[in-house]
Amino acid sequence: GGAVPTIGLTDDLATLRQMTLYWGVTPVAVPEGADVNQLLSHVCDWGLQDGRLERGDRIVLVAGIGFGAGGHNMAMVHEV
């Protein structure tokens, strides 16, 4: 059991600041225009350096992609 860490990724400074108010969410800035593979690489590197992730951990990336998506239409499980 236990709480599941939630990381909020964004390339927008205003959104990053807003996420600091979300309970249980750690905001992390990502490079503008990053694709899914770059996001995964960025969050894995960040998590390993921060001590929140270890090799073999699984992360779930939920994102809104393509077609001007405003919602979440993609989910991916990735092993660190």
PDB file of N, CA and C in Angstrom:
ATOM      1  N   GLY A   1       0.800  -1.183   0.000  1.00  0.00           N
ATOM      2  CA  GLY A   1       0.000   0.000   0.000  1.00  0.00           C
ATOM      3  C   GLY A   1       0.841   1.243   0.000  1.00  0.00           C
ATOM      4  N   GLY A   2       0.229   2.308   0.397  1.00  0.00           N
ATOM      5  CA  GLY A   2       0.917   3.584   0.440  1.00  0.00           C
ATOM      6  C   GLY A   2       0.508   4.482  -0.704  1.00  0.00           C
ATOM      7  N   ALA A   3       0.860   5.723  -0.556  1.00  0.00           N
ATOM      8  CA  ALA A   3       0.521   6.717  -1.574  1.00  0.00           C
ATOM      9  C   ALA A   3       1.356   6.506  -2.828  1.00  0.00           C
ATOM     10  N   VAL A   4       0.754   6.754  -3.956  1.00  0.00           N
ATOM     11  CA  VAL A   4       1.457   6.669  -5.235  1.00  0.00           C
ATOM     12  C   VAL A   4       1.954   8.066  -5.585  1.00  0.00           C
ATOM     13  N   PRO A   5       3.263   8.227  -5.794  1.00  0.00           N
ATOM     14  CA  PRO A   5       3.780   9.547  -6.159  1.00  0.00           C
ATOM     15  C   PRO A   5       3.184  10.007  -7.487  1.00  0.00           C
ATOM     16  N   THR A   6       2.777  11.267  -7.538  1.00  0.00           N
ATOM     17  CA  THR A   6       2.223  11.839  -8.755  1.00  0.00           C
ATOM     18  C   THR A   6       3.089  13.019  -9.175  1.00  0.00           C
ATOM     19  N   ILE A   7       3.611  12.937 -10.392  1.00  0.00           N
ATOM     20  CA  ILE A   7       4.476  13.969 -10.946  1.00  0.00           C
ATOM     21  C   ILE A   7       3.714  14.647 -12.075  1.00  0.00           C
ATOM     22  N   GLY A   8       3.637  15.964 -12.047  1.00  0.00           N
ATOM     23  CA  GLY A   8       2.988  16.724 -13.112  1.00  0.00           C
ATOM     24  C   GLY A   8       4.036  17.331 -14.022  1.00  0.00           C
ATOM     25  N   LEU A   9       4.031  16.933 -15.289  1.00  0.00           N
ATOM     26  CA  LEU A   9       5.006  17.436 -16.257  1.00  0.00           C
ATOM     27  C   LEU A   9       4.372  18.520 -17.113  1.00  0.00           C
ATOM     28  N   THR A  10       5.105  19.610 -17.319  1.00  0.00           N
ATOM     29  CA  THR A  10       4.614  20.668 -18.200  1.00  0.00           C
ATOM     30  C   THR A  10       5.782  21.481 -18.735  1.00  0.00           C
ATOM     31  N   ASP A  11       5.564  22.060 -19.918  1.00  0.00           N
ATOM     32  CA  ASP A  11       6.558  22.977 -20.477  1.00  0.00           C
ATOM     33  C   ASP A  11       6.098  24.431 -20.332  1.00  0.00           C
ATOM     34  N   ASP A  12       4.993  24.636 -19.616  1.00  0.00           N
ATOM     35  CA  ASP A  12       4.406  25.962 -19.450  1.00  0.00           C
ATOM     36  C   ASP A  12       4.627  26.466 -18.023  1.00  0.00           C
ATOM     37  N   LEU A  13       5.281  27.614 -17.898  1.00  0.00           N
ATOM     38  CA  LEU A  13       5.633  28.146 -16.576  1.00  0.00           C
ATOM     39  C   LEU A  13       4.401  28.435 -15.721  1.00  0.00           C
ATOM     40  N   ALA A  14       3.348  28.985 -16.326  1.00  0.00           N
ATOM     41  CA  ALA A  14       2.130  29.283 -15.564  1.00  0.00           C
ATOM     42  C   ALA A  14       1.499  28.002 -15.023  1.00  0.00           C
ATOM     43  N   THR A  15       1.477  26.959 -15.835  1.00  0.00           N
ATOM     44  CA  THR A  15       0.929  25.671 -15.397  1.00  0.00           C
ATOM     45  C   THR A  15       1.795  25.073 -14.297  1.00  0.00           C
ATOM     46  N   LEU A  16       3.112  25.199 -14.443  1.00  0.00           N
ATOM     47  CA  LEU A  16       4.035  24.692 -13.426  1.00  0.00           C
ATOM     48  C   LEU A  16       3.753  25.357 -12.078  1.00  0.00           C
ATOM     49  N   ARG A  17       3.567  26.663 -12.099  1.00  0.00           N
ATOM     50  CA  ARG A  17       3.264  27.391 -10.859  1.00  0.00           C
ATOM     51  C   ARG A  17       1.924  26.954 -10.277  1.00  0.00           C
ATOM     52  N   GLN A  18       0.932  26.771 -11.146  1.00  0.00           N
ATOM     53  CA  GLN A  18      -0.394  26.353 -10.684  1.00  0.00           C
ATOM     54  C   GLN A  18      -0.326  24.976 -10.028  1.00  0.00           C
ATOM     55  N   MET A  19       0.491  24.082 -10.595  1.00  0.00           N
ATOM     56  CA  MET A  19       0.590  22.725 -10.049  1.00  0.00           C
ATOM     57  C   MET A  19       1.195  22.691  -8.653  1.00  0.00           C
ATOM     58  N   THR A  20       1.912  23.747  -8.254  1.00  0.00           N
ATOM     59  CA  THR A  20       2.453  23.769  -6.892  1.00  0.00           C
ATOM     60  C   THR A  20       1.334  23.799  -5.860  1.00  0.00           C
ATOM     61  N   LEU A  21       0.128  24.182  -6.287  1.00  0.00           N
ATOM     62  CA  LEU A  21      -1.027  24.234  -5.384  1.00  0.00           C
ATOM     63  C   LEU A  21      -1.798  22.920  -5.333  1.00  0.00           C
ATOM     64  N   TYR A  22      -1.500  21.993  -6.236  1.00  0.00           N
ATOM     65  CA  TYR A  22      -2.218  20.716  -6.277  1.00  0.00           C
ATOM     66  C   TYR A  22      -1.691  19.802  -5.182  1.00  0.00           C
ATOM     67  N   TRP A  23      -2.579  19.320  -4.333  1.00  0.00           N
ATOM     68  CA  TRP A  23      -2.187  18.434  -3.243  1.00  0.00           C
ATOM     69  C   TRP A  23      -1.678  17.116  -3.808  1.00  0.00           C
ATOM     70  N   GLY A  24      -0.505  16.691  -3.358  1.00  0.00           N
ATOM     71  CA  GLY A  24       0.043  15.401  -3.744  1.00  0.00           C
ATOM     72  C   GLY A  24       0.719  15.358  -5.096  1.00  0.00           C
ATOM     73  N   VAL A  25       0.868  16.502  -5.763  1.00  0.00           N
ATOM     74  CA  VAL A  25       1.493  16.546  -7.088  1.00  0.00           C
ATOM     75  C   VAL A  25       2.823  17.281  -6.992  1.00  0.00           C
ATOM     76  N   THR A  26       3.870  16.671  -7.546  1.00  0.00           N
ATOM     77  CA  THR A  26       5.171  17.319  -7.648  1.00  0.00           C
ATOM     78  C   THR A  26       5.326  17.829  -9.077  1.00  0.00           C
ATOM     79  N   PRO A  27       5.369  19.151  -9.279  1.00  0.00           N
ATOM     80  CA  PRO A  27       5.508  19.677 -10.634  1.00  0.00           C
ATOM     81  C   PRO A  27       6.952  19.597 -11.126  1.00  0.00           C
ATOM     82  N   VAL A  28       7.115  19.221 -12.391  1.00  0.00           N
ATOM     83  CA  VAL A  28       8.435  19.112 -13.006  1.00  0.00           C
ATOM     84  C   VAL A  28       8.373  19.759 -14.391  1.00  0.00           C
ATOM     85  N   ALA A  29       9.297  20.671 -14.652  1.00  0.00           N
ATOM     86  CA  ALA A  29       9.370  21.318 -15.962  1.00  0.00           C
ATOM     87  C   ALA A  29      10.035  20.381 -16.966  1.00  0.00           C
ATOM     88  N   VAL A  30       9.505  20.371 -18.182  1.00  0.00           N
ATOM     89  CA  VAL A  30      10.076  19.571 -19.269  1.00  0.00           C
ATOM     90  C   VAL A  30      10.352  20.496 -20.453  1.00  0.00           C
ATOM     91  N   PRO A  31      11.247  20.073 -21.352  1.00  0.00           N
ATOM     92  CA  PRO A  31      11.548  20.909 -22.521  1.00  0.00           C
ATOM     93  C   PRO A  31      10.310  21.117 -23.398  1.00  0.00           C
ATOM     94  N   GLU A  32      10.174  22.309 -23.939  1.00  0.00           N
ATOM     95  CA  GLU A  32       9.041  22.624 -24.813  1.00  0.00           C
ATOM     96  C   GLU A  32       9.064  21.728 -26.050  1.00  0.00           C
ATOM     97  N   GLY A  33       7.905  21.204 -26.395  1.00  0.00           N
ATOM     98  CA  GLY A  33       7.779  20.382 -27.595  1.00  0.00           C
ATOM     99  C   GLY A  33       8.315  18.971 -27.462  1.00  0.00           C
ATOM    100  N   ALA A  34       8.576  18.515 -26.245  1.00  0.00           N
ATOM    101  CA  ALA A  34       9.124  17.168 -26.040  1.00  0.00           C
ATOM    102  C   ALA A  34       8.114  16.117 -26.487  1.00  0.00           C
ATOM    103  N   ASP A  35       8.623  15.063 -27.143  1.00  0.00           N
ATOM    104  CA  ASP A  35       7.742  13.957 -27.526  1.00  0.00           C
ATOM    105  C   ASP A  35       7.662  12.954 -26.374  1.00  0.00           C
ATOM    106  N   VAL A  36       6.872  11.907 -26.559  1.00  0.00           N
ATOM    107  CA  VAL A  36       6.640  10.936 -25.482  1.00  0.00           C
ATOM    108  C   VAL A  36       7.942  10.305 -25.007  1.00  0.00           C
ATOM    109  N   ASN A  37       8.817   9.920 -25.926  1.00  0.00           N
ATOM    110  CA  ASN A  37      10.089   9.302 -25.531  1.00  0.00           C
ATOM    111  C   ASN A  37      10.958  10.272 -24.741  1.00  0.00           C
ATOM    112  N   GLN A  38      10.955  11.539 -25.140  1.00  0.00           N
ATOM    113  CA  GLN A  38      11.726  12.542 -24.407  1.00  0.00           C
ATOM    114  C   GLN A  38      11.145  12.779 -23.017  1.00  0.00           C
ATOM    115  N   LEU A  39       9.814  12.773 -22.908  1.00  0.00           N
ATOM    116  CA  LEU A  39       9.179  12.927 -21.594  1.00  0.00           C
ATOM    117  C   LEU A  39       9.550  11.776 -20.676  1.00  0.00           C
ATOM    118  N   LEU A  40       9.484  10.552 -21.200  1.00  0.00           N
ATOM    119  CA  LEU A  40       9.845   9.378 -20.396  1.00  0.00           C
ATOM    120  C   LEU A  40      11.296   9.459 -19.947  1.00  0.00           C
ATOM    121  N   SER A  41      12.176   9.805 -20.861  1.00  0.00           N
ATOM    122  CA  SER A  41      13.594   9.921 -20.527  1.00  0.00           C
ATOM    123  C   SER A  41      13.813  10.999 -19.467  1.00  0.00           C
ATOM    124  N   HIS A  42      13.148  12.135 -19.633  1.00  0.00           N
ATOM    125  CA  HIS A  42      13.302  13.254 -18.697  1.00  0.00           C
ATOM    126  C   HIS A  42      12.827  12.874 -17.295  1.00  0.00           C
ATOM    127  N   VAL A  43      11.641  12.274 -17.207  1.00  0.00           N
ATOM    128  CA  VAL A  43      11.096  11.944 -15.884  1.00  0.00           C
ATOM    129  C   VAL A  43      11.894  10.814 -15.234  1.00  0.00           C
ATOM    130  N   CYS A  44      12.389   9.868 -16.022  1.00  0.00           N
ATOM    131  CA  CYS A  44      13.218   8.796 -15.450  1.00  0.00           C
ATOM    132  C   CYS A  44      14.531   9.361 -14.919  1.00  0.00           C
ATOM    133  N   ASP A  45      15.188  10.207 -15.710  1.00  0.00           N
ATOM    134  CA  ASP A  45      16.436  10.832 -15.256  1.00  0.00           C
ATOM    135  C   ASP A  45      16.195  11.651 -13.991  1.00  0.00           C
ATOM    136  N   TRP A  46      15.119  12.446 -13.993  1.00  0.00           N
ATOM    137  CA  TRP A  46      14.789  13.273 -12.831  1.00  0.00           C
ATOM    138  C   TRP A  46      14.529  12.391 -11.609  1.00  0.00           C
ATOM    139  N   GLY A  47      13.723  11.355 -11.775  1.00  0.00           N
ATOM    140  CA  GLY A  47      13.362  10.484 -10.663  1.00  0.00           C
ATOM    141  C   GLY A  47      14.541   9.715 -10.094  1.00  0.00           C
ATOM    142  N   LEU A  48      15.448   9.268 -10.965  1.00  0.00           N
ATOM    143  CA  LEU A  48      16.641   8.556 -10.501  1.00  0.00           C
ATOM    144  C   LEU A  48      17.562   9.501  -9.734  1.00  0.00           C
ATOM    145  N   GLN A  49      17.760  10.703 -10.257  1.00  0.00           N
ATOM    146  CA  GLN A  49      18.628  11.682  -9.592  1.00  0.00           C
ATOM    147  C   GLN A  49      18.027  12.152  -8.270  1.00  0.00           C
ATOM    148  N   ASP A  50      16.706  12.265  -8.225  1.00  0.00           N
ATOM    149  CA  ASP A  50      16.007  12.747  -7.034  1.00  0.00           C
ATOM    150  C   ASP A  50      15.820  11.647  -5.986  1.00  0.00           C
ATOM    151  N   GLY A  51      16.073  10.403  -6.382  1.00  0.00           N
ATOM    152  CA  GLY A  51      15.907   9.285  -5.460  1.00  0.00           C
ATOM    153  C   GLY A  51      14.483   8.768  -5.354  1.00  0.00           C
ATOM    154  N   ARG A  52      13.590   9.268  -6.200  1.00  0.00           N
ATOM    155  CA  ARG A  52      12.195   8.814  -6.162  1.00  0.00           C
ATOM    156  C   ARG A  52      11.973   7.563  -6.996  1.00  0.00           C
ATOM    157  N   LEU A  53      12.903   7.272  -7.899  1.00  0.00           N
ATOM    158  CA  LEU A  53      12.799   6.083  -8.746  1.00  0.00           C
ATOM    159  C   LEU A  53      14.050   5.239  -8.615  1.00  0.00           C
ATOM    160  N   GLU A  54      13.865   3.948  -8.838  1.00  0.00           N
ATOM    161  CA  GLU A  54      14.982   3.009  -8.908  1.00  0.00           C
ATOM    162  C   GLU A  54      14.828   2.206 -10.188  1.00  0.00           C
ATOM    163  N   ARG A  55      15.928   1.673 -10.691  1.00  0.00           N
ATOM    164  CA  ARG A  55      15.870   0.809 -11.874  1.00  0.00           C
ATOM    165  C   ARG A  55      14.895  -0.325 -11.593  1.00  0.00           C
ATOM    166  N   GLY A  56      14.050  -0.613 -12.572  1.00  0.00           N
ATOM    167  CA  GLY A  56      13.057  -1.667 -12.416  1.00  0.00           C
ATOM    168  C   GLY A  56      11.693  -1.159 -11.977  1.00  0.00           C
ATOM    169  N   ASP A  57      11.627   0.079 -11.442  1.00  0.00           N
ATOM    170  CA  ASP A  57      10.330   0.670 -11.100  1.00  0.00           C
ATOM    171  C   ASP A  57       9.511   0.850 -12.372  1.00  0.00           C
ATOM    172  N   ARG A  58       8.206   0.865 -12.197  1.00  0.00           N
ATOM    173  CA  ARG A  58       7.317   1.140 -13.327  1.00  0.00           C
ATOM    174  C   ARG A  58       6.650   2.488 -13.105  1.00  0.00           C
ATOM    175  N   ILE A  59       6.563   3.240 -14.191  1.00  0.00           N
ATOM    176  CA  ILE A  59       5.855   4.514 -14.151  1.00  0.00           C
ATOM    177  C   ILE A  59       4.733   4.469 -15.184  1.00  0.00           C
ATOM    178  N   VAL A  60       3.698   5.257 -14.936  1.00  0.00           N
ATOM    179  CA  VAL A  60       2.588   5.379 -15.879  1.00  0.00           C
ATOM    180  C   VAL A  60       2.552   6.821 -16.357  1.00  0.00           C
ATOM    181  N   LEU A  61       2.660   6.992 -17.674  1.00  0.00           N
ATOM    182  CA  LEU A  61       2.572   8.315 -18.279  1.00  0.00           C
ATOM    183  C   LEU A  61       1.176   8.469 -18.863  1.00  0.00           C
ATOM    184  N   VAL A  62       0.462   9.486 -18.408  1.00  0.00           N
ATOM    185  CA  VAL A  62      -0.875   9.802 -18.928  1.00  0.00           C
ATOM    186  C   VAL A  62      -0.764  11.174 -19.573  1.00  0.00           C
ATOM    187  N   ALA A  63      -1.192  11.273 -20.838  1.00  0.00           N
ATOM    188  CA  ALA A  63      -1.011  12.528 -21.573  1.00  0.00           C
ATOM    189  C   ALA A  63      -2.133  12.752 -22.566  1.00  0.00           C
ATOM    190  N   GLY A  64      -2.264  13.990 -22.972  1.00  0.00           N
ATOM    191  CA  GLY A  64      -3.137  14.350 -24.083  1.00  0.00           C
ATOM    192  C   GLY A  64      -2.252  14.625 -25.277  1.00  0.00           C
ATOM    193  N   ILE A  65      -2.413  13.857 -26.346  1.00  0.00           N
ATOM    194  CA  ILE A  65      -1.550  14.019 -27.513  1.00  0.00           C
ATOM    195  C   ILE A  65      -2.383  14.154 -28.781  1.00  0.00           C
ATOM    196  N   GLY A  66      -1.831  14.867 -29.748  1.00  0.00           N
ATOM    197  CA  GLY A  66      -2.416  14.970 -31.080  1.00  0.00           C
ATOM    198  C   GLY A  66      -3.754  15.667 -31.138  1.00  0.00           C
ATOM    199  N   PHE A  67      -4.120  16.083 -32.313  1.00  0.00           N
ATOM    200  CA  PHE A  67      -5.435  16.630 -32.635  1.00  0.00           C
ATOM    201  C   PHE A  67      -5.857  17.748 -31.684  1.00  0.00           C
ATOM    202  N   GLY A  68      -4.924  18.535 -31.187  1.00  0.00           N
ATOM    203  CA  GLY A  68      -5.261  19.626 -30.276  1.00  0.00           C
ATOM    204  C   GLY A  68      -5.917  19.129 -29.001  1.00  0.00           C
ATOM    205  N   ALA A  69      -5.495  17.963 -28.558  1.00  0.00           N
ATOM    206  CA  ALA A  69      -6.130  17.302 -27.411  1.00  0.00           C
ATOM    207  C   ALA A  69      -6.087  18.177 -26.169  1.00  0.00           C
ATOM    208  N   GLY A  70      -7.241  18.341 -25.538  1.00  0.00           N
ATOM    209  CA  GLY A  70      -7.297  19.068 -24.279  1.00  0.00           C
ATOM    210  C   GLY A  70      -7.446  18.120 -23.111  1.00  0.00           C
ATOM    211  N   GLY A  71      -7.700  16.846 -23.409  1.00  0.00           N
ATOM    212  CA  GLY A  71      -7.880  15.837 -22.371  1.00  0.00           C
ATOM    213  C   GLY A  71      -6.761  14.824 -22.401  1.00  0.00           C
ATOM    214  N   HIS A  72      -6.956  13.749 -21.669  1.00  0.00           N
ATOM    215  CA  HIS A  72      -5.954  12.687 -21.601  1.00  0.00           C
ATOM    216  C   HIS A  72      -6.420  11.537 -22.479  1.00  0.00           C
ATOM    217  N   ASN A  73      -5.703  11.293 -23.568  1.00  0.00           N
ATOM    218  CA  ASN A  73      -6.105  10.253 -24.498  1.00  0.00           C
ATOM    219  C   ASN A  73      -5.015   9.211 -24.726  1.00  0.00           C
ATOM    220  N   MET A  74      -3.998   9.198 -23.865  1.00  0.00           N
ATOM    221  CA  MET A  74      -2.914   8.238 -24.006  1.00  0.00           C
ATOM    222  C   MET A  74      -2.400   7.858 -22.627  1.00  0.00           C
ATOM    223  N   ALA A  75      -2.190   6.562 -22.425  1.00  0.00           N
ATOM    224  CA  ALA A  75      -1.570   6.073 -21.189  1.00  0.00           C
ATOM    225  C   ALA A  75      -0.528   5.037 -21.572  1.00  0.00           C
ATOM    226  N   MET A  76       0.624   5.085 -20.914  1.00  0.00           N
ATOM    227  CA  MET A  76       1.719   4.175 -21.233  1.00  0.00           C
ATOM    228  C   MET A  76       2.400   3.753 -19.939  1.00  0.00           C
ATOM    229  N   VAL A  77       2.670   2.470 -19.808  1.00  0.00           N
ATOM    230  CA  VAL A  77       3.439   1.951 -18.673  1.00  0.00           C
ATOM    231  C   VAL A  77       4.868   1.756 -19.151  1.00  0.00           C
ATOM    232  N   HIS A  78       5.824   2.231 -18.372  1.00  0.00           N
ATOM    233  CA  HIS A  78       7.238   2.192 -18.759  1.00  0.00           C
ATOM    234  C   HIS A  78       8.063   1.696 -17.579  1.00  0.00           C
ATOM    235  N   GLU A  79       8.983   0.788 -17.838  1.00  0.00           N
ATOM    236  CA  GLU A  79       9.891   0.315 -16.791  1.00  0.00           C
ATOM    237  C   GLU A  79      11.168   1.128 -16.835  1.00  0.00           C
ATOM    238  N   VAL A  80      11.553   1.660 -15.670  1.00  0.00           N
ATOM    239  CA  VAL A  80      12.745   2.508 -15.563  1.00  0.00           C
ATOM    240  C   VAL A  80      13.981   1.666 -15.786  1.00  0.00           C
TER     241      VAL A  80
END
